[in-house]
N, C-alpha and C. Protein backbone atom coordinates (compact mmCIF):
# COMPACT_ATOMS: atom_id res chain seq x y z
N MET A 1 -13.39 -6.48 -25.36
CA MET A 1 -12.28 -5.66 -25.78
C MET A 1 -11.48 -4.71 -24.42
N ARG A 2 -10.56 -4.98 -24.96
CA ARG A 2 -9.88 -4.32 -24.18
C ARG A 2 -10.12 -2.40 -23.20
N ALA A 3 -9.69 -1.67 -22.70
CA ALA A 3 -10.14 -0.61 -22.34
C ALA A 3 -8.47 0.09 -22.97
N LEU A 4 -8.02 -0.21 -21.68
CA LEU A 4 -6.19 0.07 -22.46
C LEU A 4 -5.16 -1.40 -22.98
N GLY A 5 -4.46 -0.99 -24.03
CA GLY A 5 -3.72 -1.36 -24.39
C GLY A 5 -2.01 -1.56 -23.75
N LEU A 6 -1.08 -2.95 -24.11
CA LEU A 6 -0.11 -2.34 -24.17
C LEU A 6 0.50 -2.02 -25.39
N ASP A 7 1.39 -1.30 -25.57
CA ASP A 7 2.20 -1.43 -26.84
C ASP A 7 3.01 -2.33 -27.01
N VAL A 8 3.72 -2.99 -25.98
CA VAL A 8 4.13 -4.11 -26.73
C VAL A 8 4.55 -5.18 -25.48
N PRO A 9 3.56 -6.14 -25.63
CA PRO A 9 3.08 -7.35 -24.49
C PRO A 9 4.23 -7.99 -24.40
N GLY A 10 3.68 -8.31 -23.20
CA GLY A 10 4.96 -8.85 -22.19
C GLY A 10 6.16 -8.05 -21.63
N THR A 11 6.09 -6.73 -21.58
CA THR A 11 7.47 -5.69 -21.53
C THR A 11 7.29 -5.83 -20.30
N VAL A 12 8.62 -5.61 -19.56
CA VAL A 12 8.07 -4.85 -17.72
C VAL A 12 9.51 -4.43 -17.88
N LEU A 13 9.53 -4.37 -16.54
CA LEU A 13 10.85 -3.17 -16.27
C LEU A 13 11.62 -4.13 -15.82
N ALA A 14 13.49 -3.97 -17.17
CA ALA A 14 14.23 -4.50 -16.49
C ALA A 14 15.68 -3.91 -15.91
N LEU A 15 15.36 -4.68 -14.69
CA LEU A 15 16.49 -4.71 -13.49
C LEU A 15 18.22 -5.04 -13.93
N SER A 16 18.72 -4.51 -13.60
CA SER A 16 20.25 -5.84 -13.59
C SER A 16 20.37 -6.33 -12.39
N TYR A 17 21.24 -7.28 -12.63
CA TYR A 17 21.19 -8.17 -11.83
C TYR A 17 21.85 -7.25 -10.38
N GLU A 18 22.65 -6.78 -10.36
CA GLU A 18 22.65 -6.29 -9.08
C GLU A 18 21.97 -5.07 -8.56
N VAL A 19 20.98 -4.45 -9.20
CA VAL A 19 19.79 -4.24 -8.41
C VAL A 19 18.86 -5.19 -7.67
N ILE A 20 18.37 -6.27 -8.80
CA ILE A 20 17.85 -7.02 -8.06
C ILE A 20 18.75 -7.88 -6.76
N ALA A 21 19.98 -8.03 -7.08
CA ALA A 21 20.76 -8.60 -5.41
C ALA A 21 20.36 -8.12 -4.55
N ASP A 22 20.86 -6.63 -4.42
CA ASP A 22 20.60 -5.37 -3.64
C ASP A 22 19.43 -5.33 -2.72
N LEU A 23 18.00 -5.32 -3.92
CA LEU A 23 16.88 -5.13 -3.29
C LEU A 23 17.02 -6.53 -2.68
N GLY A 24 17.17 -7.72 -3.06
CA GLY A 24 16.76 -8.72 -2.07
C GLY A 24 17.66 -8.85 -1.08
N ALA A 25 19.05 -8.38 -0.94
CA ALA A 25 19.86 -8.56 0.38
C ALA A 25 18.97 -7.59 1.56
N ARG A 26 18.45 -5.97 0.68
CA ARG A 26 17.70 -5.21 1.79
C ARG A 26 16.62 -6.53 2.26
N LEU A 27 15.72 -6.58 1.37
CA LEU A 27 14.51 -7.14 1.95
C LEU A 27 14.59 -8.66 3.57
N LYS A 28 15.56 -9.34 2.58
CA LYS A 28 16.47 -10.27 4.04
C LYS A 28 16.92 -9.62 5.07
N ALA A 29 17.49 -8.34 5.01
CA ALA A 29 18.09 -7.63 6.37
C ALA A 29 16.08 -7.22 7.15
N ALA A 30 15.51 -6.74 5.94
CA ALA A 30 14.01 -5.94 6.97
C ALA A 30 13.44 -6.91 7.66
N VAL A 31 13.61 -8.79 6.82
CA VAL A 31 12.49 -9.66 7.38
C VAL A 31 13.68 -9.97 9.00
N GLU A 32 14.76 -10.14 8.58
CA GLU A 32 15.53 -11.24 10.08
C GLU A 32 15.09 -9.35 10.98
N THR A 33 14.81 -7.87 11.07
CA THR A 33 14.78 -7.90 12.31
C THR A 33 13.86 -7.33 12.03
N SER A 34 12.55 -7.94 11.54
CA SER A 34 10.93 -6.86 11.80
C SER A 34 11.20 -8.86 12.61
N LYS A 35 11.86 -9.63 12.52
CA LYS A 35 11.45 -10.91 13.63
C LYS A 35 11.74 -10.70 15.40
N MET A 36 12.75 -9.51 14.91
CA MET A 36 13.01 -9.29 16.54
C MET A 36 12.30 -7.80 17.12
N LEU A 37 11.38 -7.36 16.00
CA LEU A 37 10.32 -6.75 16.86
C LEU A 37 9.89 -6.21 17.60
N GLY A 38 8.97 -7.34 17.54
CA GLY A 38 7.53 -7.91 18.07
C GLY A 38 6.39 -7.49 18.09
N ARG A 39 5.38 -6.43 18.97
CA ARG A 39 4.40 -6.07 18.40
C ARG A 39 4.55 -4.38 17.70
N VAL A 40 3.78 -4.60 16.83
CA VAL A 40 3.93 -3.34 16.20
C VAL A 40 2.88 -2.56 16.34
N GLY A 41 3.07 -0.98 16.73
CA GLY A 41 1.97 -0.61 17.27
C GLY A 41 2.06 0.68 16.63
N TRP A 42 1.40 1.76 17.21
CA TRP A 42 0.99 3.27 16.25
C TRP A 42 1.25 4.48 17.16
N THR A 43 2.16 5.26 16.55
CA THR A 43 3.10 6.95 17.04
C THR A 43 1.53 7.39 17.52
N ASP A 44 1.30 8.33 18.16
CA ASP A 44 0.20 8.93 18.53
C ASP A 44 -0.33 9.58 17.75
N ALA A 45 0.64 10.54 16.70
CA ALA A 45 0.44 11.44 15.62
C ALA A 45 -0.61 10.04 14.61
N ALA A 46 0.16 9.26 14.08
CA ALA A 46 -0.30 7.96 13.36
C ALA A 46 -1.53 7.72 13.81
N ALA A 47 -1.91 7.28 15.17
CA ALA A 47 -3.36 7.05 15.75
C ALA A 47 -4.36 7.85 15.62
N LYS A 48 -3.86 9.21 15.80
CA LYS A 48 -4.95 10.34 15.20
C LYS A 48 -5.19 10.32 13.90
N LYS A 49 -4.38 10.47 12.99
CA LYS A 49 -4.47 10.30 11.70
C LYS A 49 -5.13 9.92 11.36
N TRP A 50 -5.27 8.54 11.82
CA TRP A 50 -6.07 7.31 10.99
C TRP A 50 -7.39 7.03 11.90
N VAL A 51 -7.55 7.65 13.23
CA VAL A 51 -9.06 7.93 13.09
C VAL A 51 -9.58 9.47 12.39
N SER A 52 -9.23 9.94 11.86
CA SER A 52 -9.66 10.95 10.72
C SER A 52 -9.99 10.70 9.60
N VAL A 53 -9.12 9.46 9.00
CA VAL A 53 -9.43 8.89 7.62
C VAL A 53 -10.36 7.63 7.82
N TYR A 54 -10.54 7.07 8.90
CA TYR A 54 -11.19 5.38 9.09
C TYR A 54 -12.56 5.43 8.10
N SER A 55 -12.92 6.44 8.41
CA SER A 55 -14.70 7.01 8.00
C SER A 55 -14.51 6.61 6.33
N ALA A 56 -13.31 7.07 6.00
CA ALA A 56 -13.57 7.63 4.48
C ALA A 56 -13.30 6.27 3.78
N LEU A 57 -11.95 5.45 4.71
CA LEU A 57 -10.98 4.20 3.79
C LEU A 57 -12.80 3.16 3.85
N SER A 58 -13.30 3.27 4.74
CA SER A 58 -14.23 2.15 5.33
C SER A 58 -15.68 2.01 4.78
N ALA A 59 -15.87 3.35 4.02
CA ALA A 59 -17.22 3.84 3.42
C ALA A 59 -17.05 2.87 1.85
N PRO A 60 -18.34 2.31 1.79
CA PRO A 60 -18.46 1.39 0.76
C PRO A 60 -18.35 2.42 -0.80
N GLN A 61 -17.99 1.64 -1.68
CA GLN A 61 -17.57 1.88 -3.44
C GLN A 61 -18.96 0.87 -4.17
N PRO A 62 -19.15 1.63 -4.93
CA PRO A 62 -20.14 0.92 -6.19
C PRO A 62 -19.81 0.24 -7.02
N GLY A 63 -19.96 -0.48 -7.73
CA GLY A 63 -19.49 -1.32 -8.75
C GLY A 63 -18.19 -2.43 -8.55
N LEU A 64 -17.53 -2.32 -9.88
CA LEU A 64 -16.97 -3.83 -9.63
C LEU A 64 -14.71 -2.60 -9.06
N LEU A 65 -15.02 -1.57 -8.96
CA LEU A 65 -14.22 -1.03 -8.57
C LEU A 65 -14.32 -0.74 -6.78
N GLY A 66 -15.37 -0.95 -6.63
CA GLY A 66 -15.82 -1.18 -4.94
C GLY A 66 -15.81 -2.31 -4.32
N ALA A 67 -15.87 -3.52 -5.15
CA ALA A 67 -15.47 -4.63 -5.35
C ALA A 67 -14.17 -4.99 -5.06
N ALA A 68 -13.37 -4.07 -5.72
CA ALA A 68 -11.91 -4.45 -5.87
C ALA A 68 -10.99 -3.62 -5.08
N THR A 69 -11.57 -2.13 -4.02
CA THR A 69 -11.30 -1.29 -2.84
C THR A 69 -11.79 -1.83 -1.86
N ALA A 70 -13.06 -3.09 -1.61
CA ALA A 70 -13.75 -3.02 -0.42
C ALA A 70 -12.64 -3.41 0.54
N ARG A 71 -12.87 -2.60 2.34
CA ARG A 71 -11.88 -2.97 3.05
C ARG A 71 -10.99 -2.57 2.74
N GLY A 72 -11.13 -1.17 2.38
CA GLY A 72 -9.42 -0.03 1.78
C GLY A 72 -9.13 -0.01 3.39
N GLU A 73 -9.63 0.38 4.55
CA GLU A 73 -8.84 0.29 5.58
C GLU A 73 -8.05 -0.56 6.06
N ALA A 74 -8.42 -1.94 5.91
CA ALA A 74 -7.75 -3.18 6.23
C ALA A 74 -6.58 -3.04 5.28
N GLN A 75 -6.82 -2.69 4.08
CA GLN A 75 -5.57 -2.79 2.98
C GLN A 75 -4.84 -1.74 3.03
N VAL A 76 -5.27 -0.51 3.98
CA VAL A 76 -4.16 0.60 4.25
C VAL A 76 -3.47 0.07 5.83
N VAL A 77 -4.11 -0.17 6.39
CA VAL A 77 -3.27 -0.71 7.55
C VAL A 77 -2.05 -1.78 7.27
N ARG A 78 -2.81 -3.05 6.45
CA ARG A 78 -1.30 -4.13 5.64
C ARG A 78 -0.38 -3.40 5.12
N LEU A 79 -0.67 -2.60 4.53
CA LEU A 79 0.18 -2.03 3.73
C LEU A 79 1.26 -1.08 4.43
N ALA A 80 0.66 -0.05 5.83
CA ALA A 80 1.32 0.55 6.60
C ALA A 80 2.53 -0.35 7.51
N LEU A 81 1.57 -1.91 7.50
CA LEU A 81 2.93 -2.21 8.97
C LEU A 81 3.53 -2.97 8.26
N LEU A 82 3.37 -3.12 6.90
CA LEU A 82 4.28 -3.74 5.87
C LEU A 82 5.38 -2.43 5.68
N TYR A 83 5.22 -1.64 5.39
CA TYR A 83 6.17 -0.14 5.60
C TYR A 83 6.73 0.29 6.15
N ALA A 84 6.09 -0.25 7.99
CA ALA A 84 6.78 0.33 9.41
C ALA A 84 8.17 -1.23 9.13
N LEU A 85 7.70 -2.55 8.63
CA LEU A 85 8.65 -3.21 9.32
C LEU A 85 9.93 -3.26 8.10
N LEU A 86 9.60 -2.44 7.14
CA LEU A 86 10.64 -2.38 5.97
C LEU A 86 11.61 -0.92 6.16
N ASP A 87 10.79 -0.16 6.85
CA ASP A 87 12.16 1.14 7.61
C ASP A 87 12.40 0.74 8.86
N GLY A 88 12.40 -1.03 9.45
CA GLY A 88 12.79 -1.60 10.76
C GLY A 88 12.53 -0.48 12.01
N THR A 89 11.07 -0.58 11.97
CA THR A 89 10.14 -0.28 12.91
C THR A 89 9.47 -0.82 13.71
N SER A 90 8.73 -0.46 14.99
CA SER A 90 8.10 -1.00 15.68
C SER A 90 6.67 -0.67 15.67
N LEU A 91 6.67 1.27 14.78
CA LEU A 91 5.93 1.59 15.45
C LEU A 91 5.38 2.33 13.98
N ILE A 92 4.10 2.34 13.71
CA ILE A 92 3.40 3.09 12.06
C ILE A 92 3.29 4.53 12.15
N ALA A 93 4.31 5.27 11.75
CA ALA A 93 4.46 6.37 11.51
C ALA A 93 3.09 7.36 10.45
N PRO A 94 2.65 8.62 10.63
CA PRO A 94 1.66 9.25 9.96
C PRO A 94 1.46 9.14 8.22
N GLU A 95 3.59 9.00 8.18
CA GLU A 95 3.65 8.55 6.71
C GLU A 95 3.01 7.59 5.96
N GLN A 96 3.17 6.12 6.71
CA GLN A 96 2.86 4.87 6.02
C GLN A 96 1.39 5.17 5.77
N PRO A 97 0.39 5.05 6.98
CA PRO A 97 -0.80 4.85 6.77
C PRO A 97 -1.34 6.10 5.43
N ARG A 98 -0.60 7.33 5.87
CA ARG A 98 -1.19 8.65 4.75
C ARG A 98 -0.84 7.82 3.07
N GLY A 99 0.45 7.52 2.98
CA GLY A 99 1.15 7.00 1.56
C GLY A 99 0.15 6.23 0.85
N CYS A 100 -0.26 4.88 1.72
CA CYS A 100 -0.85 3.87 1.71
C CYS A 100 -3.00 3.75 1.32
N ALA A 101 -3.05 5.05 1.77
CA ALA A 101 -4.41 5.60 1.63
C ALA A 101 -4.23 6.63 0.44
N ARG A 102 -3.32 7.23 0.30
CA ARG A 102 -3.47 7.99 -1.05
C ARG A 102 -3.94 7.11 -2.53
N CYS A 103 -2.72 6.12 -2.00
CA CYS A 103 -3.00 4.46 -3.30
C CYS A 103 -4.16 4.78 -3.86
N LEU A 104 -5.28 3.81 -2.16
CA LEU A 104 -6.26 3.87 -2.03
C LEU A 104 -7.25 4.89 -2.70
N GLY A 105 -7.08 5.83 -2.93
CA GLY A 105 -7.69 7.16 -3.17
C GLY A 105 -7.48 7.24 -4.57
N ILE A 106 -6.37 7.16 -5.22
CA ILE A 106 -5.67 7.05 -6.15
C ILE A 106 -6.85 5.86 -7.53
N PHE A 107 -6.76 4.64 -6.51
CA PHE A 107 -7.98 3.95 -7.54
C PHE A 107 -8.97 3.86 -7.88
N ARG A 108 -9.93 4.25 -6.49
CA ARG A 108 -10.75 4.89 -6.08
C ARG A 108 -11.66 6.18 -7.10
N SER A 109 -10.51 7.38 -7.54
CA SER A 109 -10.58 7.90 -8.46
C SER A 109 -10.81 7.59 -10.16
N LEU A 110 -10.33 6.85 -10.02
CA LEU A 110 -10.42 6.12 -11.46
C LEU A 110 -11.79 5.99 -11.55
N ARG A 111 -12.78 5.62 -10.68
CA ARG A 111 -13.95 5.57 -11.19
C ARG A 111 -14.44 6.64 -11.80
N ARG A 112 -14.21 8.07 -11.12
CA ARG A 112 -14.57 9.35 -11.28
C ARG A 112 -14.37 9.80 -12.42
N LEU A 113 -12.80 9.46 -12.92
CA LEU A 113 -12.48 9.69 -14.45
C LEU A 113 -12.82 8.66 -15.18
N HIS A 114 -13.62 7.56 -15.26
CA HIS A 114 -14.48 6.57 -16.02
C HIS A 114 -13.11 5.85 -16.63
N LEU A 115 -11.97 5.74 -16.01
CA LEU A 115 -11.10 4.37 -16.71
C LEU A 115 -11.10 3.32 -16.29
N TRP A 116 -12.52 3.18 -15.08
CA TRP A 116 -12.55 2.24 -14.44
C TRP A 116 -14.23 1.56 -13.73
N ARG A 117 -14.93 0.95 -14.66
CA ARG A 117 -16.16 1.12 -14.60
C ARG A 117 -16.42 -0.03 -13.77
């Protein structure tokens, strides 16, 4: 039995053709820009922030949620890299890994709220 159910199964966010076409064009432009960027690095501020959060992100978590969020530091770096590339820059800025780490923190807090055991 599922803990949470959907009111209307199969319901998805409806987007107009124009919105989807715009997103596709923006993604295509970001991919083309990223091909020219070369190696992606960190700003000094982002590297400093990364050092301060690395231990917490790499700490093991128990249970199924721990398995789902394992290697949180690697997941955060990958997402931060994608954000930098989508922004068209070859430097990861502090807000990119911070936002990703917050997402991971939300998932990990679900265990404390007993929404995921």
